[in-house]
């Protein structure tokens, strides 16, 4: 009997942080974050992601409550679970997924995954809090086999592979750039972990990544997608990204 490998349909979750950044730069409600979220779903996005930070420089805590009321696909809240306010926010809204990121105060953007060995007990404890509330948990992880193996013992449902290194090295040598991610994904799949990915994925490098990580459940893309929308329009851009995932 032949071994059959099932191709996972990778879902696109649009991170709308940058829409909130633009809105906040002038005050008021232009662009309308809630309407943009609705439009992203209408145009084909299979999820909406937000990453609130304590300074509320983009997504505000009130935005999360408002989005929870209208998101009809999957709502993913990512952020620093070492902040009690973040924990309270997630538990109050109960999104389909929470993605735990080891941010520090004032960080411009996420730039590394969890040390799942050194933070093993902490992750076990905090993951249990969210899972007891019926929320699927994903944790940000670098493409390092030891980190993936330790992630599997925390109780998390998924890992999110941090893809900045892949994106940075893609143009120079895409085969070398993807290699650690392929290995990490293979280990994750064997250990029963779902696999997400995000950070600096774009129209240039997304298709190759997806083709080489066949078990990929979801990508979360914000900065590149919103930037592309300035040129191509939001509806067309979302469709362009979806075609890279097909």
C-alpha atoms as a PDB file:
ATOM      1  CA  UNK A   1       0.000   0.000   0.000  1.00  0.00           C
ATOM      2  CA  UNK A   2       1.323   3.423  -0.912  1.00  0.00           C
ATOM      3  CA  UNK A   3       1.878   6.002   1.792  1.00  0.00           C
ATOM      4  CA  UNK A   4      -0.413   8.957   1.126  1.00  0.00           C
ATOM      5  CA  UNK A   5       0.621  12.403   2.354  1.00  0.00           C
ATOM      6  CA  UNK A   6      -2.314  14.748   2.727  1.00  0.00           C
ATOM      7  CA  UNK A   7      -1.681  18.351   1.731  1.00  0.00           C
ATOM      8  CA  UNK A   8      -2.930  20.753   4.376  1.00  0.00           C
ATOM      9  CA  UNK A   9      -4.773  23.768   2.997  1.00  0.00           C
ATOM     10  CA  UNK A  10      -2.839  26.651   4.470  1.00  0.00           C
ATOM     11  CA  UNK A  11      -5.059  29.401   5.822  1.00  0.00           C
ATOM     12  CA  UNK A  12      -4.330  33.117   5.503  1.00  0.00           C
ATOM     13  CA  UNK A  13      -4.803  35.237   8.610  1.00  0.00           C
ATOM     14  CA  UNK A  14      -4.400  38.954   7.946  1.00  0.00           C
ATOM     15  CA  UNK A  15      -2.691  40.941  10.678  1.00  0.00           C
ATOM     16  CA  UNK A  16      -4.382  44.352  10.735  1.00  0.00           C
ATOM     17  CA  UNK A  17      -1.978  46.097  13.130  1.00  0.00           C
ATOM     18  CA  UNK A  18      -0.750  48.414  10.395  1.00  0.00           C
ATOM     19  CA  UNK A  19      -4.286  49.604   9.689  1.00  0.00           C
ATOM     20  CA  UNK A  20      -4.523  50.631  13.336  1.00  0.00           C
ATOM     21  CA  UNK A  21      -1.132  52.358  13.100  1.00  0.00           C
ATOM     22  CA  UNK A  22      -2.357  54.467  10.185  1.00  0.00           C
ATOM     23  CA  UNK A  23      -5.595  55.304  11.987  1.00  0.00           C
ATOM     24  CA  UNK A  24      -3.800  56.289  15.173  1.00  0.00           C
ATOM     25  CA  UNK A  25      -1.392  58.586  13.324  1.00  0.00           C
ATOM     26  CA  UNK A  26      -4.179  61.125  12.748  1.00  0.00           C
ATOM     27  CA  UNK A  27      -6.714  60.263  15.426  1.00  0.00           C
ATOM     28  CA  UNK A  28     -10.316  59.691  14.502  1.00  0.00           C
ATOM     29  CA  UNK A  29     -11.427  56.537  12.751  1.00  0.00           C
ATOM     30  CA  UNK A  30      -9.923  56.690   9.285  1.00  0.00           C
ATOM     31  CA  UNK A  31      -9.214  54.048   8.152  1.00  0.00           C
ATOM     32  CA  UNK A  32     -11.999  52.189   9.930  1.00  0.00           C
ATOM     33  CA  UNK A  33     -10.329  49.164  11.515  1.00  0.00           C
ATOM     34  CA  UNK A  34     -13.584  47.246  11.972  1.00  0.00           C
ATOM     35  CA  UNK A  35     -14.633  47.775   8.364  1.00  0.00           C
ATOM     36  CA  UNK A  36     -11.203  46.687   7.138  1.00  0.00           C
ATOM     37  CA  UNK A  37     -11.469  43.463   9.152  1.00  0.00           C
ATOM     38  CA  UNK A  38     -14.886  42.789   7.630  1.00  0.00           C
ATOM     39  CA  UNK A  39     -13.534  43.524   4.156  1.00  0.00           C
ATOM     40  CA  UNK A  40     -10.525  41.225   4.636  1.00  0.00           C
ATOM     41  CA  UNK A  41     -12.895  38.373   5.424  1.00  0.00           C
ATOM     42  CA  UNK A  42     -15.193  39.301   2.526  1.00  0.00           C
ATOM     43  CA  UNK A  43     -12.207  39.311   0.178  1.00  0.00           C
ATOM     44  CA  UNK A  44     -11.192  35.791   1.223  1.00  0.00           C
ATOM     45  CA  UNK A  45      -9.023  35.975   4.335  1.00  0.00           C
ATOM     46  CA  UNK A  46      -9.616  32.986   6.602  1.00  0.00           C
ATOM     47  CA  UNK A  47      -8.610  34.745   9.787  1.00  0.00           C
ATOM     48  CA  UNK A  48      -7.891  38.094  11.438  1.00  0.00           C
ATOM     49  CA  UNK A  49      -4.810  38.578  13.623  1.00  0.00           C
ATOM     50  CA  UNK A  50      -4.038  41.390  16.049  1.00  0.00           C
ATOM     51  CA  UNK A  51      -1.029  41.958  18.267  1.00  0.00           C
ATOM     52  CA  UNK A  52      -1.921  44.463  21.004  1.00  0.00           C
ATOM     53  CA  UNK A  53       0.973  45.962  22.937  1.00  0.00           C
ATOM     54  CA  UNK A  54       0.925  47.764  26.299  1.00  0.00           C
ATOM     55  CA  UNK A  55       1.502  51.199  24.719  1.00  0.00           C
ATOM     56  CA  UNK A  56      -1.431  50.621  22.321  1.00  0.00           C
ATOM     57  CA  UNK A  57       0.586  52.213  19.521  1.00  0.00           C
ATOM     58  CA  UNK A  58      -1.412  50.249  16.964  1.00  0.00           C
ATOM     59  CA  UNK A  59      -4.148  47.853  18.122  1.00  0.00           C
ATOM     60  CA  UNK A  60      -5.919  49.217  21.184  1.00  0.00           C
ATOM     61  CA  UNK A  61      -7.438  46.984  23.819  1.00  0.00           C
ATOM     62  CA  UNK A  62     -10.888  48.353  22.967  1.00  0.00           C
ATOM     63  CA  UNK A  63     -10.292  47.289  19.345  1.00  0.00           C
ATOM     64  CA  UNK A  64     -10.011  43.686  20.450  1.00  0.00           C
ATOM     65  CA  UNK A  65     -13.429  43.738  22.094  1.00  0.00           C
ATOM     66  CA  UNK A  66     -14.948  45.384  19.019  1.00  0.00           C
ATOM     67  CA  UNK A  67     -13.324  42.901  16.646  1.00  0.00           C
ATOM     68  CA  UNK A  68     -14.474  39.931  18.677  1.00  0.00           C
ATOM     69  CA  UNK A  69     -18.064  40.983  17.951  1.00  0.00           C
ATOM     70  CA  UNK A  70     -17.676  41.024  14.183  1.00  0.00           C
ATOM     71  CA  UNK A  71     -14.970  38.527  13.146  1.00  0.00           C
ATOM     72  CA  UNK A  72     -16.687  35.541  11.543  1.00  0.00           C
ATOM     73  CA  UNK A  73     -13.590  33.548  10.534  1.00  0.00           C
ATOM     74  CA  UNK A  74     -10.819  32.788  13.034  1.00  0.00           C
ATOM     75  CA  UNK A  75      -9.730  35.446  15.480  1.00  0.00           C
ATOM     76  CA  UNK A  76      -6.088  35.210  16.544  1.00  0.00           C
ATOM     77  CA  UNK A  77      -4.733  37.410  19.328  1.00  0.00           C
ATOM     78  CA  UNK A  78      -0.964  37.349  19.652  1.00  0.00           C
ATOM     79  CA  UNK A  79       1.215  39.045  22.196  1.00  0.00           C
ATOM     80  CA  UNK A  80       3.285  39.007  25.338  1.00  0.00           C
ATOM     81  CA  UNK A  81       1.662  36.653  27.829  1.00  0.00           C
ATOM     82  CA  UNK A  82       4.016  37.925  30.539  1.00  0.00           C
ATOM     83  CA  UNK A  83       1.776  41.005  30.724  1.00  0.00           C
ATOM     84  CA  UNK A  84      -1.249  40.397  32.975  1.00  0.00           C
ATOM     85  CA  UNK A  85      -3.291  42.864  30.958  1.00  0.00           C
ATOM     86  CA  UNK A  86      -2.745  40.715  27.870  1.00  0.00           C
ATOM     87  CA  UNK A  87      -3.828  37.575  29.700  1.00  0.00           C
ATOM     88  CA  UNK A  88      -6.974  39.294  30.949  1.00  0.00           C
ATOM     89  CA  UNK A  89      -7.729  40.627  27.456  1.00  0.00           C
ATOM     90  CA  UNK A  90      -7.483  37.187  25.855  1.00  0.00           C
ATOM     91  CA  UNK A  91      -9.563  35.488  28.534  1.00  0.00           C
ATOM     92  CA  UNK A  92     -12.244  38.163  28.252  1.00  0.00           C
ATOM     93  CA  UNK A  93     -12.539  37.725  24.489  1.00  0.00           C
ATOM     94  CA  UNK A  94     -11.821  34.004  24.041  1.00  0.00           C
ATOM     95  CA  UNK A  95     -10.520  34.050  20.463  1.00  0.00           C
ATOM     96  CA  UNK A  96     -10.174  30.840  18.494  1.00  0.00           C
ATOM     97  CA  UNK A  97      -6.404  31.098  18.935  1.00  0.00           C
ATOM     98  CA  UNK A  98      -3.888  32.888  21.124  1.00  0.00           C
ATOM     99  CA  UNK A  99      -0.288  33.106  19.942  1.00  0.00           C
ATOM    100  CA  UNK A 100       2.245  33.606  22.709  1.00  0.00           C
ATOM    101  CA  UNK A 101       5.220  35.783  21.788  1.00  0.00           C
ATOM    102  CA  UNK A 102       8.236  36.535  24.028  1.00  0.00           C
ATOM    103  CA  UNK A 103       8.146  40.305  23.493  1.00  0.00           C
ATOM    104  CA  UNK A 104       9.609  42.883  25.822  1.00  0.00           C
ATOM    105  CA  UNK A 105       8.276  46.360  26.563  1.00  0.00           C
ATOM    106  CA  UNK A 106       8.937  48.844  23.764  1.00  0.00           C
ATOM    107  CA  UNK A 107       9.858  46.209  21.199  1.00  0.00           C
ATOM    108  CA  UNK A 108       9.183  47.462  17.654  1.00  0.00           C
ATOM    109  CA  UNK A 109       8.322  44.025  16.340  1.00  0.00           C
ATOM    110  CA  UNK A 110       8.766  40.417  17.406  1.00  0.00           C
ATOM    111  CA  UNK A 111      12.325  39.242  16.743  1.00  0.00           C
ATOM    112  CA  UNK A 112      12.793  35.793  18.284  1.00  0.00           C
ATOM    113  CA  UNK A 113      10.999  32.712  19.439  1.00  0.00           C
ATOM    114  CA  UNK A 114      10.642  31.236  22.903  1.00  0.00           C
ATOM    115  CA  UNK A 115      13.450  29.354  24.564  1.00  0.00           C
ATOM    116  CA  UNK A 116      11.110  26.469  25.225  1.00  0.00           C
ATOM    117  CA  UNK A 117      13.697  24.678  27.356  1.00  0.00           C
ATOM    118  CA  UNK A 118      14.540  27.496  29.754  1.00  0.00           C
ATOM    119  CA  UNK A 119      10.879  28.607  29.913  1.00  0.00           C
ATOM    120  CA  UNK A 120       9.388  25.127  30.018  1.00  0.00           C
ATOM    121  CA  UNK A 121       7.543  25.373  33.329  1.00  0.00           C
ATOM    122  CA  UNK A 122       6.322  28.904  32.694  1.00  0.00           C
ATOM    123  CA  UNK A 123       4.932  27.897  29.305  1.00  0.00           C
ATOM    124  CA  UNK A 124       3.222  24.838  30.751  1.00  0.00           C
ATOM    125  CA  UNK A 125       1.510  26.986  33.360  1.00  0.00           C
ATOM    126  CA  UNK A 126       0.380  29.805  31.066  1.00  0.00           C
ATOM    127  CA  UNK A 127      -0.702  27.502  28.254  1.00  0.00           C
ATOM    128  CA  UNK A 128      -2.899  25.615  30.724  1.00  0.00           C
ATOM    129  CA  UNK A 129      -4.625  28.895  31.623  1.00  0.00           C
ATOM    130  CA  UNK A 130      -5.667  29.521  28.032  1.00  0.00           C
ATOM    131  CA  UNK A 131      -6.510  25.910  27.175  1.00  0.00           C
ATOM    132  CA  UNK A 132      -8.716  25.648  30.254  1.00  0.00           C
ATOM    133  CA  UNK A 133     -10.661  28.561  28.738  1.00  0.00           C
ATOM    134  CA  UNK A 134     -11.144  26.608  25.509  1.00  0.00           C
ATOM    135  CA  UNK A 135      -8.636  28.636  23.472  1.00  0.00           C
ATOM    136  CA  UNK A 136      -6.247  26.989  21.016  1.00  0.00           C
ATOM    137  CA  UNK A 137      -2.648  27.939  21.829  1.00  0.00           C
ATOM    138  CA  UNK A 138       0.278  28.541  19.489  1.00  0.00           C
ATOM    139  CA  UNK A 139       3.743  29.602  20.632  1.00  0.00           C
ATOM    140  CA  UNK A 140       6.362  31.525  18.658  1.00  0.00           C
ATOM    141  CA  UNK A 141       9.401  29.294  18.029  1.00  0.00           C
ATOM    142  CA  UNK A 142      12.639  29.602  16.073  1.00  0.00           C
ATOM    143  CA  UNK A 143      13.342  26.807  13.548  1.00  0.00           C
ATOM    144  CA  UNK A 144      15.542  24.872  15.959  1.00  0.00           C
ATOM    145  CA  UNK A 145      14.815  21.191  16.526  1.00  0.00           C
ATOM    146  CA  UNK A 146      15.559  21.328  20.269  1.00  0.00           C
ATOM    147  CA  UNK A 147      13.130  24.227  20.682  1.00  0.00           C
ATOM    148  CA  UNK A 148      10.419  22.395  18.740  1.00  0.00           C
ATOM    149  CA  UNK A 149      10.893  19.212  20.746  1.00  0.00           C
ATOM    150  CA  UNK A 150      10.645  21.123  24.018  1.00  0.00           C
ATOM    151  CA  UNK A 151       7.596  22.998  22.722  1.00  0.00           C
ATOM    152  CA  UNK A 152       5.818  19.674  22.304  1.00  0.00           C
ATOM    153  CA  UNK A 153       6.033  19.027  26.050  1.00  0.00           C
ATOM    154  CA  UNK A 154       4.493  22.375  27.067  1.00  0.00           C
ATOM    155  CA  UNK A 155       0.944  21.429  26.142  1.00  0.00           C
ATOM    156  CA  UNK A 156       0.709  23.862  23.225  1.00  0.00           C
ATOM    157  CA  UNK A 157      -1.480  22.933  20.278  1.00  0.00           C
ATOM    158  CA  UNK A 158       0.686  24.583  17.656  1.00  0.00           C
ATOM    159  CA  UNK A 159       3.948  26.348  17.091  1.00  0.00           C
ATOM    160  CA  UNK A 160       4.402  29.432  14.937  1.00  0.00           C
ATOM    161  CA  UNK A 161       7.701  29.287  13.092  1.00  0.00           C
ATOM    162  CA  UNK A 162       9.416  32.680  13.185  1.00  0.00           C
ATOM    163  CA  UNK A 163      10.295  33.260   9.525  1.00  0.00           C
ATOM    164  CA  UNK A 164      12.427  36.428   9.551  1.00  0.00           C
ATOM    165  CA  UNK A 165      15.639  34.471   8.921  1.00  0.00           C
ATOM    166  CA  UNK A 166      14.049  32.657   5.993  1.00  0.00           C
ATOM    167  CA  UNK A 167      12.824  35.899   4.451  1.00  0.00           C
ATOM    168  CA  UNK A 168      16.179  37.630   4.980  1.00  0.00           C
ATOM    169  CA  UNK A 169      18.173  34.848   3.306  1.00  0.00           C
ATOM    170  CA  UNK A 170      15.663  33.849   0.637  1.00  0.00           C
ATOM    171  CA  UNK A 171      17.067  35.957  -2.210  1.00  0.00           C
ATOM    172  CA  UNK A 172      20.647  34.816  -1.661  1.00  0.00           C
ATOM    173  CA  UNK A 173      19.976  31.072  -1.306  1.00  0.00           C
ATOM    174  CA  UNK A 174      16.404  29.914  -0.883  1.00  0.00           C
ATOM    175  CA  UNK A 175      17.308  26.245  -0.429  1.00  0.00           C
ATOM    176  CA  UNK A 176      19.625  27.026   2.469  1.00  0.00           C
ATOM    177  CA  UNK A 177      17.111  29.501   3.870  1.00  0.00           C
ATOM    178  CA  UNK A 178      14.283  26.950   3.964  1.00  0.00           C
ATOM    179  CA  UNK A 179      16.316  23.969   5.231  1.00  0.00           C
ATOM    180  CA  UNK A 180      15.987  24.541   9.010  1.00  0.00           C
ATOM    181  CA  UNK A 181      12.270  25.199   8.631  1.00  0.00           C
ATOM    182  CA  UNK A 182      11.722  21.946   6.769  1.00  0.00           C
ATOM    183  CA  UNK A 183      13.493  20.025   9.520  1.00  0.00           C
ATOM    184  CA  UNK A 184      11.661  21.870  12.290  1.00  0.00           C
ATOM    185  CA  UNK A 185       8.310  21.261  10.603  1.00  0.00           C
ATOM    186  CA  UNK A 186       9.040  17.555  10.140  1.00  0.00           C
ATOM    187  CA  UNK A 187       9.813  17.222  13.844  1.00  0.00           C
ATOM    188  CA  UNK A 188       6.732  19.220  14.820  1.00  0.00           C
ATOM    189  CA  UNK A 189       4.487  17.062  12.655  1.00  0.00           C
ATOM    190  CA  UNK A 190       5.901  13.849  14.128  1.00  0.00           C
ATOM    191  CA  UNK A 191       5.256  15.207  17.620  1.00  0.00           C
ATOM    192  CA  UNK A 192       1.663  16.063  16.807  1.00  0.00           C
ATOM    193  CA  UNK A 193       2.016  19.836  16.752  1.00  0.00           C
ATOM    194  CA  UNK A 194       0.122  22.053  14.352  1.00  0.00           C
ATOM    195  CA  UNK A 195       2.324  24.450  12.388  1.00  0.00           C
ATOM    196  CA  UNK A 196       1.790  28.159  11.766  1.00  0.00           C
ATOM    197  CA  UNK A 197       4.297  30.627  10.364  1.00  0.00           C
ATOM    198  CA  UNK A 198       4.795  34.353  10.220  1.00  0.00           C
ATOM    199  CA  UNK A 199       7.104  37.350   9.988  1.00  0.00           C
ATOM    200  CA  UNK A 200       8.335  38.951   6.750  1.00  0.00           C
ATOM    201  CA  UNK A 201       6.538  36.485   4.501  1.00  0.00           C
ATOM    202  CA  UNK A 202       5.488  38.219   1.281  1.00  0.00           C
ATOM    203  CA  UNK A 203       4.537  37.707  -2.361  1.00  0.00           C
ATOM    204  CA  UNK A 204       8.139  36.905  -3.264  1.00  0.00           C
ATOM    205  CA  UNK A 205       8.901  34.176  -0.748  1.00  0.00           C
ATOM    206  CA  UNK A 206       5.553  32.805   0.425  1.00  0.00           C
ATOM    207  CA  UNK A 207       4.868  30.246  -2.287  1.00  0.00           C
ATOM    208  CA  UNK A 208       8.263  28.566  -1.942  1.00  0.00           C
ATOM    209  CA  UNK A 209       7.842  28.381   1.820  1.00  0.00           C
ATOM    210  CA  UNK A 210       4.389  26.850   1.512  1.00  0.00           C
ATOM    211  CA  UNK A 211       5.511  24.326  -1.077  1.00  0.00           C
ATOM    212  CA  UNK A 212       8.306  23.111   1.180  1.00  0.00           C
ATOM    213  CA  UNK A 213       6.268  22.988   4.409  1.00  0.00           C
ATOM    214  CA  UNK A 214       3.306  20.841   3.305  1.00  0.00           C
ATOM    215  CA  UNK A 215       1.907  20.506   6.848  1.00  0.00           C
ATOM    216  CA  UNK A 216       1.559  24.279   7.242  1.00  0.00           C
ATOM    217  CA  UNK A 217      -1.790  25.140   8.857  1.00  0.00           C
ATOM    218  CA  UNK A 218      -1.722  28.938   8.792  1.00  0.00           C
ATOM    219  CA  UNK A 219       0.324  31.984   7.918  1.00  0.00           C
ATOM    220  CA  UNK A 220      -0.192  35.326   9.620  1.00  0.00           C
ATOM    221  CA  UNK A 221       0.822  38.245   7.397  1.00  0.00           C
ATOM    222  CA  UNK A 222       0.454  41.924   8.084  1.00  0.00           C
ATOM    223  CA  UNK A 223       3.123  44.437   7.141  1.00  0.00           C
ATOM    224  CA  UNK A 224       3.881  43.113   3.656  1.00  0.00           C
ATOM    225  CA  UNK A 225       0.249  42.490   2.773  1.00  0.00           C
ATOM    226  CA  UNK A 226      -0.938  45.926   3.886  1.00  0.00           C
ATOM    227  CA  UNK A 227       1.997  47.544   2.070  1.00  0.00           C
ATOM    228  CA  UNK A 228       1.160  45.636  -1.122  1.00  0.00           C
ATOM    229  CA  UNK A 229      -2.448  46.766  -0.792  1.00  0.00           C
ATOM    230  CA  UNK A 230      -1.293  50.368  -1.300  1.00  0.00           C
ATOM    231  CA  UNK A 231      -0.310  49.386  -4.857  1.00  0.00           C
ATOM    232  CA  UNK A 232      -2.711  46.592  -5.758  1.00  0.00           C
ATOM    233  CA  UNK A 233      -5.782  47.300  -3.614  1.00  0.00           C
ATOM    234  CA  UNK A 234      -6.838  45.263  -0.601  1.00  0.00           C
ATOM    235  CA  UNK A 235      -9.159  42.814  -2.364  1.00  0.00           C
ATOM    236  CA  UNK A 236      -6.693  42.065  -5.149  1.00  0.00           C
ATOM    237  CA  UNK A 237      -3.805  41.746  -2.694  1.00  0.00           C
ATOM    238  CA  UNK A 238      -5.597  39.212  -0.502  1.00  0.00           C
ATOM    239  CA  UNK A 239      -6.405  37.162  -3.596  1.00  0.00           C
ATOM    240  CA  UNK A 240      -2.764  37.345  -4.681  1.00  0.00           C
ATOM    241  CA  UNK A 241      -1.638  35.996  -1.313  1.00  0.00           C
ATOM    242  CA  UNK A 242      -4.246  33.245  -1.380  1.00  0.00           C
ATOM    243  CA  UNK A 243      -2.951  32.132  -4.777  1.00  0.00           C
ATOM    244  CA  UNK A 244       0.532  31.762  -3.255  1.00  0.00           C
ATOM    245  CA  UNK A 245      -0.965  29.348  -0.720  1.00  0.00           C
ATOM    246  CA  UNK A 246      -2.933  27.239  -3.202  1.00  0.00           C
END
